[in-house]
């Protein structure tokens, strides 16, 4: 049987090689369609009551996990130069595609009762233009008298101030989120360099993006390292460059077929 198989392969080697190359090219095309998933991995089945309850919660209260938080610790925030730099930083962040809304100290609002309409209306605590330190001190005093923001946007004990960025949920589940986080980091670095403040970054969008980029880089590194290490071992074993190269090609074809099969079966 094996002798007949060997004769068959030798007799039709050209046809088999062409067929192998064609199938490998097709598998390579399918492999190029394989993409990384940027969505949360489901650890439980879709029909699990806990998962269905979570989906109901999302439908009722909206998407979760799309808040990126930036924090600074300083006792100089309400000096005119630092506050204006902080506000300009917020405005620049707001222009980044994918950043839907920002909550921070400069955008804080207060409520007052409109006696005519008998409704509560909002007004900004900090005016759009603050020309003097005295005006800023007055607005800062009004801000500190609002208990709602205490513990939410600032901690008076530790002098920590937070800024929350709501990221588009559709963008968060795509590869474009890497560019958004990079743009946020660039704007943040500009602010940090201008004010000599350290900005701390956190939140699920930031962590997910950084971990995804780290995994991609590690996959490329280990793939390249494994190819080089395998080539060195094969070269030391066979003592022939052509034999080593042929073995690496066979392994490469196997990898292409494996990844292509993933796409073939969805």
C-alpha atoms as a PDB file:
ATOM      1  CA  UNK A   1       0.000   0.000   0.000  1.00  0.00           C
ATOM      2  CA  UNK A   2       2.671   2.481   1.026  1.00  0.00           C
ATOM      3  CA  UNK A   3       4.759   1.511  -1.982  1.00  0.00           C
ATOM      4  CA  UNK A   4       1.833   2.200  -4.305  1.00  0.00           C
ATOM      5  CA  UNK A   5       1.213   5.519  -2.563  1.00  0.00           C
ATOM      6  CA  UNK A   6       4.850   6.455  -3.040  1.00  0.00           C
ATOM      7  CA  UNK A   7       4.734   5.576  -6.740  1.00  0.00           C
ATOM      8  CA  UNK A   8       1.543   7.623  -7.100  1.00  0.00           C
ATOM      9  CA  UNK A   9       3.110  10.683  -5.473  1.00  0.00           C
ATOM     10  CA  UNK A  10       6.264  10.425  -7.582  1.00  0.00           C
ATOM     11  CA  UNK A  11       4.321   9.879 -10.779  1.00  0.00           C
ATOM     12  CA  UNK A  12       1.985  12.823 -10.286  1.00  0.00           C
ATOM     13  CA  UNK A  13       4.336  15.025  -8.257  1.00  0.00           C
ATOM     14  CA  UNK A  14       3.930  18.054 -10.512  1.00  0.00           C
ATOM     15  CA  UNK A  15       0.141  17.876 -10.412  1.00  0.00           C
ATOM     16  CA  UNK A  16       0.156  17.316  -6.653  1.00  0.00           C
ATOM     17  CA  UNK A  17       2.544  20.238  -6.075  1.00  0.00           C
ATOM     18  CA  UNK A  18       0.389  22.552  -8.187  1.00  0.00           C
ATOM     19  CA  UNK A  19      -2.718  21.347  -6.351  1.00  0.00           C
ATOM     20  CA  UNK A  20      -0.967  21.873  -3.006  1.00  0.00           C
ATOM     21  CA  UNK A  21       0.033  25.408  -3.965  1.00  0.00           C
ATOM     22  CA  UNK A  22      -3.487  26.239  -5.156  1.00  0.00           C
ATOM     23  CA  UNK A  23      -5.117  24.902  -1.995  1.00  0.00           C
ATOM     24  CA  UNK A  24      -2.510  26.663   0.160  1.00  0.00           C
ATOM     25  CA  UNK A  25      -3.180  29.915  -1.694  1.00  0.00           C
ATOM     26  CA  UNK A  26      -6.903  29.470  -1.049  1.00  0.00           C
ATOM     27  CA  UNK A  27      -6.271  28.731   2.608  1.00  0.00           C
ATOM     28  CA  UNK A  28      -3.991  31.765   2.753  1.00  0.00           C
ATOM     29  CA  UNK A  29      -6.796  33.930   1.431  1.00  0.00           C
ATOM     30  CA  UNK A  30      -9.166  32.535   4.063  1.00  0.00           C
ATOM     31  CA  UNK A  31      -6.506  33.012   6.739  1.00  0.00           C
ATOM     32  CA  UNK A  32      -6.210  36.695   5.797  1.00  0.00           C
ATOM     33  CA  UNK A  33      -9.890  37.102   6.707  1.00  0.00           C
ATOM     34  CA  UNK A  34      -9.380  35.925  10.271  1.00  0.00           C
ATOM     35  CA  UNK A  35      -9.703  38.847  12.687  1.00  0.00           C
ATOM     36  CA  UNK A  36      -9.245  39.347  16.381  1.00  0.00           C
ATOM     37  CA  UNK A  37     -12.438  39.685  18.372  1.00  0.00           C
ATOM     38  CA  UNK A  38     -12.621  42.910  20.358  1.00  0.00           C
ATOM     39  CA  UNK A  39     -15.798  41.954  22.184  1.00  0.00           C
ATOM     40  CA  UNK A  40     -16.067  40.400  25.614  1.00  0.00           C
ATOM     41  CA  UNK A  41     -15.595  36.651  25.663  1.00  0.00           C
ATOM     42  CA  UNK A  42     -18.740  34.864  26.799  1.00  0.00           C
ATOM     43  CA  UNK A  43     -17.851  32.503  29.624  1.00  0.00           C
ATOM     44  CA  UNK A  44     -21.394  31.121  29.985  1.00  0.00           C
ATOM     45  CA  UNK A  45     -23.977  29.882  27.420  1.00  0.00           C
ATOM     46  CA  UNK A  46     -26.429  32.291  25.789  1.00  0.00           C
ATOM     47  CA  UNK A  47     -29.410  30.534  27.387  1.00  0.00           C
ATOM     48  CA  UNK A  48     -27.993  30.814  30.900  1.00  0.00           C
ATOM     49  CA  UNK A  49     -30.402  32.788  33.160  1.00  0.00           C
ATOM     50  CA  UNK A  50     -27.534  34.912  34.502  1.00  0.00           C
ATOM     51  CA  UNK A  51     -26.438  35.894  31.010  1.00  0.00           C
ATOM     52  CA  UNK A  52     -30.011  36.710  29.980  1.00  0.00           C
ATOM     53  CA  UNK A  53     -30.442  38.829  33.120  1.00  0.00           C
ATOM     54  CA  UNK A  54     -27.249  40.693  32.237  1.00  0.00           C
ATOM     55  CA  UNK A  55     -28.501  41.360  28.694  1.00  0.00           C
ATOM     56  CA  UNK A  56     -31.793  42.630  30.111  1.00  0.00           C
ATOM     57  CA  UNK A  57     -29.838  44.944  32.409  1.00  0.00           C
ATOM     58  CA  UNK A  58     -27.873  46.304  29.430  1.00  0.00           C
ATOM     59  CA  UNK A  59     -31.052  46.909  27.426  1.00  0.00           C
ATOM     60  CA  UNK A  60     -32.632  48.775  30.323  1.00  0.00           C
ATOM     61  CA  UNK A  61     -29.697  50.792  31.637  1.00  0.00           C
ATOM     62  CA  UNK A  62     -27.410  50.965  28.601  1.00  0.00           C
ATOM     63  CA  UNK A  63     -23.934  49.751  27.749  1.00  0.00           C
ATOM     64  CA  UNK A  64     -21.410  49.249  30.504  1.00  0.00           C
ATOM     65  CA  UNK A  65     -17.651  49.250  30.478  1.00  0.00           C
ATOM     66  CA  UNK A  66     -17.080  52.261  28.210  1.00  0.00           C
ATOM     67  CA  UNK A  67     -15.817  54.796  30.760  1.00  0.00           C
ATOM     68  CA  UNK A  68     -12.155  55.817  30.665  1.00  0.00           C
ATOM     69  CA  UNK A  69     -10.950  57.679  33.750  1.00  0.00           C
ATOM     70  CA  UNK A  70      -8.063  60.149  33.983  1.00  0.00           C
ATOM     71  CA  UNK A  71      -6.882  61.414  37.340  1.00  0.00           C
ATOM     72  CA  UNK A  72      -4.409  63.975  38.644  1.00  0.00           C
ATOM     73  CA  UNK A  73      -3.273  64.730  42.168  1.00  0.00           C
ATOM     74  CA  UNK A  74      -2.425  68.370  42.772  1.00  0.00           C
ATOM     75  CA  UNK A  75      -3.226  71.258  45.073  1.00  0.00           C
ATOM     76  CA  UNK A  76      -2.723  73.745  42.221  1.00  0.00           C
ATOM     77  CA  UNK A  77      -5.721  72.874  40.040  1.00  0.00           C
ATOM     78  CA  UNK A  78      -7.539  76.076  40.909  1.00  0.00           C
ATOM     79  CA  UNK A  79      -4.669  78.338  40.002  1.00  0.00           C
ATOM     80  CA  UNK A  80      -5.555  80.179  36.810  1.00  0.00           C
ATOM     81  CA  UNK A  81      -2.803  78.758  34.580  1.00  0.00           C
ATOM     82  CA  UNK A  82      -3.304  75.141  35.671  1.00  0.00           C
ATOM     83  CA  UNK A  83      -7.082  75.347  35.460  1.00  0.00           C
ATOM     84  CA  UNK A  84      -6.972  76.781  31.938  1.00  0.00           C
ATOM     85  CA  UNK A  85      -4.544  74.045  30.885  1.00  0.00           C
ATOM     86  CA  UNK A  86      -6.872  71.466  32.446  1.00  0.00           C
ATOM     87  CA  UNK A  87      -9.867  72.934  30.610  1.00  0.00           C
ATOM     88  CA  UNK A  88      -8.004  73.074  27.280  1.00  0.00           C
ATOM     89  CA  UNK A  89      -7.004  69.462  27.808  1.00  0.00           C
ATOM     90  CA  UNK A  90     -10.663  68.543  28.258  1.00  0.00           C
ATOM     91  CA  UNK A  91     -11.640  70.463  25.111  1.00  0.00           C
ATOM     92  CA  UNK A  92      -8.978  68.686  23.092  1.00  0.00           C
ATOM     93  CA  UNK A  93     -10.134  65.306  24.382  1.00  0.00           C
ATOM     94  CA  UNK A  94     -13.705  66.174  23.422  1.00  0.00           C
ATOM     95  CA  UNK A  95     -12.656  66.615  19.772  1.00  0.00           C
ATOM     96  CA  UNK A  96     -11.305  63.057  19.523  1.00  0.00           C
ATOM     97  CA  UNK A  97     -13.485  60.802  17.398  1.00  0.00           C
ATOM     98  CA  UNK A  98     -15.159  58.226  19.607  1.00  0.00           C
ATOM     99  CA  UNK A  99     -15.248  60.365  22.767  1.00  0.00           C
ATOM    100  CA  UNK A 100     -18.960  61.001  23.221  1.00  0.00           C
ATOM    101  CA  UNK A 101     -19.001  62.922  26.483  1.00  0.00           C
ATOM    102  CA  UNK A 102     -16.743  64.099  29.295  1.00  0.00           C
ATOM    103  CA  UNK A 103     -17.513  64.780  32.924  1.00  0.00           C
ATOM    104  CA  UNK A 104     -14.935  66.756  34.877  1.00  0.00           C
ATOM    105  CA  UNK A 105     -14.465  69.756  37.128  1.00  0.00           C
ATOM    106  CA  UNK A 106     -14.557  72.450  34.371  1.00  0.00           C
ATOM    107  CA  UNK A 107     -17.809  71.023  32.976  1.00  0.00           C
ATOM    108  CA  UNK A 108     -19.539  70.765  36.354  1.00  0.00           C
ATOM    109  CA  UNK A 109     -23.050  72.192  36.530  1.00  0.00           C
ATOM    110  CA  UNK A 110     -25.271  73.356  39.360  1.00  0.00           C
ATOM    111  CA  UNK A 111     -29.052  73.304  39.588  1.00  0.00           C
ATOM    112  CA  UNK A 112     -31.402  76.115  40.468  1.00  0.00           C
ATOM    113  CA  UNK A 113     -35.159  76.303  40.696  1.00  0.00           C
ATOM    114  CA  UNK A 114     -36.907  78.325  38.002  1.00  0.00           C
ATOM    115  CA  UNK A 115     -39.897  79.768  39.815  1.00  0.00           C
ATOM    116  CA  UNK A 116     -41.662  80.679  36.569  1.00  0.00           C
ATOM    117  CA  UNK A 117     -41.597  77.216  35.024  1.00  0.00           C
ATOM    118  CA  UNK A 118     -41.291  75.456  38.392  1.00  0.00           C
ATOM    119  CA  UNK A 119     -38.492  73.325  37.036  1.00  0.00           C
ATOM    120  CA  UNK A 120     -34.886  72.699  37.911  1.00  0.00           C
ATOM    121  CA  UNK A 121     -32.438  74.156  35.421  1.00  0.00           C
ATOM    122  CA  UNK A 122     -28.697  73.696  35.101  1.00  0.00           C
ATOM    123  CA  UNK A 123     -25.998  76.306  34.721  1.00  0.00           C
ATOM    124  CA  UNK A 124     -22.211  75.869  34.468  1.00  0.00           C
ATOM    125  CA  UNK A 125     -20.292  76.412  37.676  1.00  0.00           C
ATOM    126  CA  UNK A 126     -17.223  77.624  35.798  1.00  0.00           C
ATOM    127  CA  UNK A 127     -17.843  80.243  33.072  1.00  0.00           C
ATOM    128  CA  UNK A 128     -16.411  79.655  29.615  1.00  0.00           C
ATOM    129  CA  UNK A 129     -14.035  82.559  30.112  1.00  0.00           C
ATOM    130  CA  UNK A 130     -12.279  83.183  33.428  1.00  0.00           C
ATOM    131  CA  UNK A 131      -9.998  86.202  33.285  1.00  0.00           C
ATOM    132  CA  UNK A 132      -8.798  86.543  36.872  1.00  0.00           C
ATOM    133  CA  UNK A 133      -7.751  84.410  39.805  1.00  0.00           C
ATOM    134  CA  UNK A 134     -10.449  86.064  41.894  1.00  0.00           C
ATOM    135  CA  UNK A 135     -13.172  84.906  39.496  1.00  0.00           C
ATOM    136  CA  UNK A 136     -11.735  81.387  39.529  1.00  0.00           C
ATOM    137  CA  UNK A 137     -11.601  81.347  43.330  1.00  0.00           C
ATOM    138  CA  UNK A 138     -15.260  82.357  43.464  1.00  0.00           C
ATOM    139  CA  UNK A 139     -16.267  79.591  41.036  1.00  0.00           C
ATOM    140  CA  UNK A 140     -14.108  77.045  42.882  1.00  0.00           C
ATOM    141  CA  UNK A 141     -15.804  77.968  46.167  1.00  0.00           C
ATOM    142  CA  UNK A 142     -19.210  77.431  44.576  1.00  0.00           C
ATOM    143  CA  UNK A 143     -18.016  74.093  43.209  1.00  0.00           C
ATOM    144  CA  UNK A 144     -16.800  72.867  46.599  1.00  0.00           C
ATOM    145  CA  UNK A 145     -20.184  73.718  48.102  1.00  0.00           C
ATOM    146  CA  UNK A 146     -21.864  71.154  45.848  1.00  0.00           C
ATOM    147  CA  UNK A 147     -21.782  67.860  47.785  1.00  0.00           C
ATOM    148  CA  UNK A 148     -22.761  65.832  44.709  1.00  0.00           C
ATOM    149  CA  UNK A 149     -19.276  66.109  43.185  1.00  0.00           C
ATOM    150  CA  UNK A 150     -17.411  65.353  46.399  1.00  0.00           C
ATOM    151  CA  UNK A 151     -16.054  61.833  46.103  1.00  0.00           C
ATOM    152  CA  UNK A 152     -17.128  61.693  42.453  1.00  0.00           C
ATOM    153  CA  UNK A 153     -14.938  64.245  40.679  1.00  0.00           C
ATOM    154  CA  UNK A 154     -12.598  65.171  43.500  1.00  0.00           C
ATOM    155  CA  UNK A 155     -11.341  64.107  46.891  1.00  0.00           C
ATOM    156  CA  UNK A 156     -10.665  67.100  49.149  1.00  0.00           C
ATOM    157  CA  UNK A 157      -8.440  65.062  51.457  1.00  0.00           C
ATOM    158  CA  UNK A 158      -6.036  63.675  48.871  1.00  0.00           C
ATOM    159  CA  UNK A 159      -6.416  66.538  46.345  1.00  0.00           C
ATOM    160  CA  UNK A 160      -7.271  64.077  43.555  1.00  0.00           C
ATOM    161  CA  UNK A 161      -9.359  65.227  40.580  1.00  0.00           C
ATOM    162  CA  UNK A 162     -10.949  62.853  38.086  1.00  0.00           C
ATOM    163  CA  UNK A 163     -12.079  63.204  34.498  1.00  0.00           C
ATOM    164  CA  UNK A 164     -14.420  60.610  32.997  1.00  0.00           C
ATOM    165  CA  UNK A 165     -14.573  59.989  29.232  1.00  0.00           C
ATOM    166  CA  UNK A 166     -17.477  58.036  27.746  1.00  0.00           C
ATOM    167  CA  UNK A 167     -16.275  56.107  24.695  1.00  0.00           C
ATOM    168  CA  UNK A 168     -18.598  55.042  21.874  1.00  0.00           C
ATOM    169  CA  UNK A 169     -19.671  51.465  22.580  1.00  0.00           C
ATOM    170  CA  UNK A 170     -19.562  50.393  18.907  1.00  0.00           C
ATOM    171  CA  UNK A 171     -16.039  51.728  18.573  1.00  0.00           C
ATOM    172  CA  UNK A 172     -15.017  49.971  21.791  1.00  0.00           C
ATOM    173  CA  UNK A 173     -15.745  46.616  20.146  1.00  0.00           C
ATOM    174  CA  UNK A 174     -13.605  47.332  17.082  1.00  0.00           C
ATOM    175  CA  UNK A 175      -9.924  47.809  16.316  1.00  0.00           C
ATOM    176  CA  UNK A 176     -10.459  51.586  15.982  1.00  0.00           C
ATOM    177  CA  UNK A 177     -10.383  51.836  19.772  1.00  0.00           C
ATOM    178  CA  UNK A 178      -6.587  51.537  19.659  1.00  0.00           C
ATOM    179  CA  UNK A 179      -6.376  54.804  17.703  1.00  0.00           C
ATOM    180  CA  UNK A 180      -8.787  56.504  20.102  1.00  0.00           C
ATOM    181  CA  UNK A 181      -6.780  55.499  23.161  1.00  0.00           C
ATOM    182  CA  UNK A 182      -3.548  56.578  21.447  1.00  0.00           C
ATOM    183  CA  UNK A 183      -5.073  60.000  20.672  1.00  0.00           C
ATOM    184  CA  UNK A 184      -6.210  60.328  24.289  1.00  0.00           C
ATOM    185  CA  UNK A 185      -2.721  59.461  25.497  1.00  0.00           C
ATOM    186  CA  UNK A 186      -1.133  62.029  23.159  1.00  0.00           C
ATOM    187  CA  UNK A 187      -3.417  64.791  24.446  1.00  0.00           C
ATOM    188  CA  UNK A 188      -2.768  63.635  27.999  1.00  0.00           C
ATOM    189  CA  UNK A 189       1.001  63.679  27.530  1.00  0.00           C
ATOM    190  CA  UNK A 190       0.795  67.224  26.141  1.00  0.00           C
ATOM    191  CA  UNK A 191      -1.108  68.360  29.235  1.00  0.00           C
ATOM    192  CA  UNK A 192       1.245  66.501  31.581  1.00  0.00           C
ATOM    193  CA  UNK A 193       4.333  68.042  29.985  1.00  0.00           C
ATOM    194  CA  UNK A 194       2.833  71.541  30.100  1.00  0.00           C
ATOM    195  CA  UNK A 195       1.852  71.340  33.770  1.00  0.00           C
ATOM    196  CA  UNK A 196       4.468  68.885  35.114  1.00  0.00           C
ATOM    197  CA  UNK A 197       1.631  66.795  36.535  1.00  0.00           C
ATOM    198  CA  UNK A 198       1.381  63.017  36.531  1.00  0.00           C
ATOM    199  CA  UNK A 199      -1.820  61.752  34.935  1.00  0.00           C
ATOM    200  CA  UNK A 200      -3.094  58.351  36.007  1.00  0.00           C
ATOM    201  CA  UNK A 201      -5.177  56.399  33.488  1.00  0.00           C
ATOM    202  CA  UNK A 202      -7.675  53.644  34.184  1.00  0.00           C
ATOM    203  CA  UNK A 203     -11.052  52.302  33.155  1.00  0.00           C
ATOM    204  CA  UNK A 204     -12.127  49.257  31.183  1.00  0.00           C
ATOM    205  CA  UNK A 205     -11.580  50.839  27.719  1.00  0.00           C
ATOM    206  CA  UNK A 206      -7.984  51.689  28.593  1.00  0.00           C
ATOM    207  CA  UNK A 207      -7.233  48.310  30.173  1.00  0.00           C
ATOM    208  CA  UNK A 208      -8.883  46.321  27.361  1.00  0.00           C
ATOM    209  CA  UNK A 209      -7.006  48.263  24.690  1.00  0.00           C
ATOM    210  CA  UNK A 210      -3.622  48.000  26.372  1.00  0.00           C
ATOM    211  CA  UNK A 211      -4.040  44.284  27.053  1.00  0.00           C
ATOM    212  CA  UNK A 212      -5.153  43.654  23.447  1.00  0.00           C
ATOM    213  CA  UNK A 213      -2.130  45.524  22.051  1.00  0.00           C
ATOM    214  CA  UNK A 214       0.173  43.690  24.444  1.00  0.00           C
ATOM    215  CA  UNK A 215      -1.250  40.313  23.362  1.00  0.00           C
ATOM    216  CA  UNK A 216      -0.849  41.191  19.672  1.00  0.00           C
ATOM    217  CA  UNK A 217       2.766  42.225  20.182  1.00  0.00           C
ATOM    218  CA  UNK A 218       3.507  39.104  22.212  1.00  0.00           C
ATOM    219  CA  UNK A 219       1.910  36.883  19.558  1.00  0.00           C
ATOM    220  CA  UNK A 220       4.104  38.416  16.854  1.00  0.00           C
ATOM    221  CA  UNK A 221       7.191  38.117  19.040  1.00  0.00           C
ATOM    222  CA  UNK A 222       6.630  34.489  20.001  1.00  0.00           C
ATOM    223  CA  UNK A 223       5.696  33.541  16.427  1.00  0.00           C
ATOM    224  CA  UNK A 224       8.910  35.051  15.082  1.00  0.00           C
ATOM    225  CA  UNK A 225      10.947  33.615  17.949  1.00  0.00           C
ATOM    226  CA  UNK A 226       9.488  30.134  17.425  1.00  0.00           C
ATOM    227  CA  UNK A 227      10.288  30.245  13.695  1.00  0.00           C
ATOM    228  CA  UNK A 228      13.885  31.318  14.338  1.00  0.00           C
ATOM    229  CA  UNK A 229      14.372  28.762  17.117  1.00  0.00           C
ATOM    230  CA  UNK A 230      12.869  25.964  15.011  1.00  0.00           C
ATOM    231  CA  UNK A 231      15.079  26.917  12.076  1.00  0.00           C
ATOM    232  CA  UNK A 232      18.206  26.821  14.251  1.00  0.00           C
ATOM    233  CA  UNK A 233      17.283  23.437  15.729  1.00  0.00           C
ATOM    234  CA  UNK A 234      16.534  21.965  12.305  1.00  0.00           C
ATOM    235  CA  UNK A 235      19.749  23.404  10.875  1.00  0.00           C
ATOM    236  CA  UNK A 236      21.756  21.889  13.721  1.00  0.00           C
ATOM    237  CA  UNK A 237      19.997  18.548  13.260  1.00  0.00           C
ATOM    238  CA  UNK A 238      20.107  18.218   9.456  1.00  0.00           C
ATOM    239  CA  UNK A 239      23.280  20.239   8.838  1.00  0.00           C
ATOM    240  CA  UNK A 240      21.661  21.332   5.579  1.00  0.00           C
ATOM    241  CA  UNK A 241      20.126  24.702   4.808  1.00  0.00           C
ATOM    242  CA  UNK A 242      17.851  23.284   2.093  1.00  0.00           C
ATOM    243  CA  UNK A 243      16.482  20.593   4.426  1.00  0.00           C
ATOM    244  CA  UNK A 244      15.890  23.194   7.119  1.00  0.00           C
ATOM    245  CA  UNK A 245      14.139  25.520   4.674  1.00  0.00           C
ATOM    246  CA  UNK A 246      11.921  22.719   3.362  1.00  0.00           C
ATOM    247  CA  UNK A 247      10.918  21.772   6.911  1.00  0.00           C
ATOM    248  CA  UNK A 248      10.054  25.377   7.745  1.00  0.00           C
ATOM    249  CA  UNK A 249       7.963  25.618   4.563  1.00  0.00           C
ATOM    250  CA  UNK A 250       6.039  22.480   5.561  1.00  0.00           C
ATOM    251  CA  UNK A 251       5.379  23.936   9.006  1.00  0.00           C
ATOM    252  CA  UNK A 252       4.309  27.237   7.434  1.00  0.00           C
ATOM    253  CA  UNK A 253       1.864  25.449   5.140  1.00  0.00           C
ATOM    254  CA  UNK A 254       0.420  23.664   8.152  1.00  0.00           C
ATOM    255  CA  UNK A 255      -0.051  26.958   9.983  1.00  0.00           C
ATOM    256  CA  UNK A 256      -1.751  28.524   6.949  1.00  0.00           C
ATOM    257  CA  UNK A 257      -4.085  25.559   6.620  1.00  0.00           C
ATOM    258  CA  UNK A 258      -4.924  25.662  10.335  1.00  0.00           C
ATOM    259  CA  UNK A 259      -5.791  29.366  10.336  1.00  0.00           C
ATOM    260  CA  UNK A 260      -7.672  29.027   7.052  1.00  0.00           C
ATOM    261  CA  UNK A 261      -9.711  26.185   8.539  1.00  0.00           C
ATOM    262  CA  UNK A 262     -10.744  28.492  11.390  1.00  0.00           C
ATOM    263  CA  UNK A 263     -12.244  30.906   8.877  1.00  0.00           C
ATOM    264  CA  UNK A 264     -13.709  28.053   6.810  1.00  0.00           C
ATOM    265  CA  UNK A 265     -15.718  26.777   9.775  1.00  0.00           C
ATOM    266  CA  UNK A 266     -16.609  30.252  11.009  1.00  0.00           C
END
